[in-house]
Protein backbone atom coordinates (compact mmCIF):
# COMPACT_ATOMS: atom_id res chain seq x y z
CA MET A 1 0.00 0.00 0.00
CA THR A 2 1.29 3.45 -0.84
CA LYS A 3 2.07 6.08 1.78
CA LEU A 4 -0.75 8.30 0.54
CA LEU A 5 -3.32 5.51 0.67
CA THR A 6 -2.14 4.54 4.15
CA GLU A 7 -2.60 8.17 5.24
CA ALA A 8 -6.08 8.29 3.71
CA PHE A 9 -7.15 5.12 5.50
CA ALA A 10 -5.73 6.39 8.79
CA ARG A 11 -7.85 9.52 8.47
CA ILE A 12 -10.91 7.53 7.44
CA GLU A 13 -10.55 5.37 10.56
CA GLN A 14 -11.23 8.48 12.62
CA LEU A 15 -14.65 8.98 11.03
CA PRO A 16 -17.90 7.57 12.39
CA ASP A 17 -18.76 4.06 11.17
CA GLU A 18 -21.56 5.36 8.95
CA ASP A 19 -19.16 7.71 7.12
CA GLN A 20 -16.56 4.95 6.81
CA ASP A 21 -19.16 2.68 5.22
CA ALA A 22 -20.25 5.42 2.82
CA LEU A 23 -16.67 5.98 1.69
CA ALA A 24 -16.08 2.24 1.37
CA SER A 25 -19.23 1.84 -0.74
CA ALA A 26 -18.19 4.70 -3.02
CA LEU A 27 -14.69 3.30 -3.43
CA LEU A 28 -15.94 -0.20 -4.19
CA ALA A 29 -18.44 1.16 -6.72
CA GLU A 30 -15.68 3.16 -8.42
CA LEU A 31 -13.43 0.11 -8.61
CA ALA A 32 -16.26 -1.99 -10.06
CA SER A 33 -16.98 0.71 -12.63
CA GLU A 34 -13.32 0.88 -13.65
CA SER A 35 -13.27 -2.90 -14.08
CA LYS A 36 -16.31 -2.75 -16.34
CA ILE A 37 -14.78 0.03 -18.43
CA ASP A 38 -11.51 -1.87 -18.76
CA ALA A 39 -13.35 -5.00 -19.86
CA LEU A 40 -15.41 -3.08 -22.43
CA ILE A 41 -12.33 -1.39 -23.87
CA ALA A 42 -10.46 -4.70 -24.02
CA SER A 43 -13.37 -6.38 -25.79
CA ARG A 44 -13.86 -3.59 -28.36
CA PRO A 45 -10.57 -1.84 -29.16
CA ASP A 46 -12.05 -0.79 -32.51
CA VAL A 47 -14.62 1.39 -30.74
CA LEU A 48 -11.94 3.04 -28.62
CA ARG A 49 -9.85 3.70 -31.74
CA GLU A 50 -12.86 5.26 -33.47
CA LEU A 51 -13.57 7.50 -30.48
CA ALA A 52 -9.92 8.56 -30.35
CA ASP A 53 -9.87 9.28 -34.09
CA ASN A 54 -13.04 11.36 -33.77
CA ALA A 55 -11.59 13.34 -30.87
CA LEU A 56 -8.37 14.02 -32.76
CA ALA A 57 -10.32 15.13 -35.82
CA GLU A 58 -12.43 17.50 -33.69
CA HIS A 59 -9.26 18.95 -32.21
CA ALA A 60 -7.55 19.32 -35.59
CA ALA A 61 -10.65 21.14 -36.87
CA GLY A 62 -10.44 23.61 -34.00
CA ARG A 63 -13.68 22.46 -32.40
CA THR A 64 -12.18 21.76 -28.97
CA ARG A 65 -11.11 23.93 -26.09
CA PRO A 66 -8.89 23.30 -23.07
CA LEU A 67 -10.50 21.85 -19.96
CA ILE A 68 -8.46 24.37 -18.00
CA PRO A 69 -8.66 27.82 -19.60
CA GLY A 70 -5.27 29.34 -20.32
CA THR A 71 -3.50 26.05 -20.98
């Protein structure tokens, strides 16, 4: 476990049980979602390539803007 994750868990241990359970549920849901996304991407690399190509074309055409203004 990384130092940062260890620190986060140490701070979480100080919270009431209800808050700890809420954070645990959110973390587990996020991990499950990431697994599903990874599996979908692995099963359909052609779709990911098409999405990437479309995004690059949008950018090349000047139809994108930075997520952080000024960058």
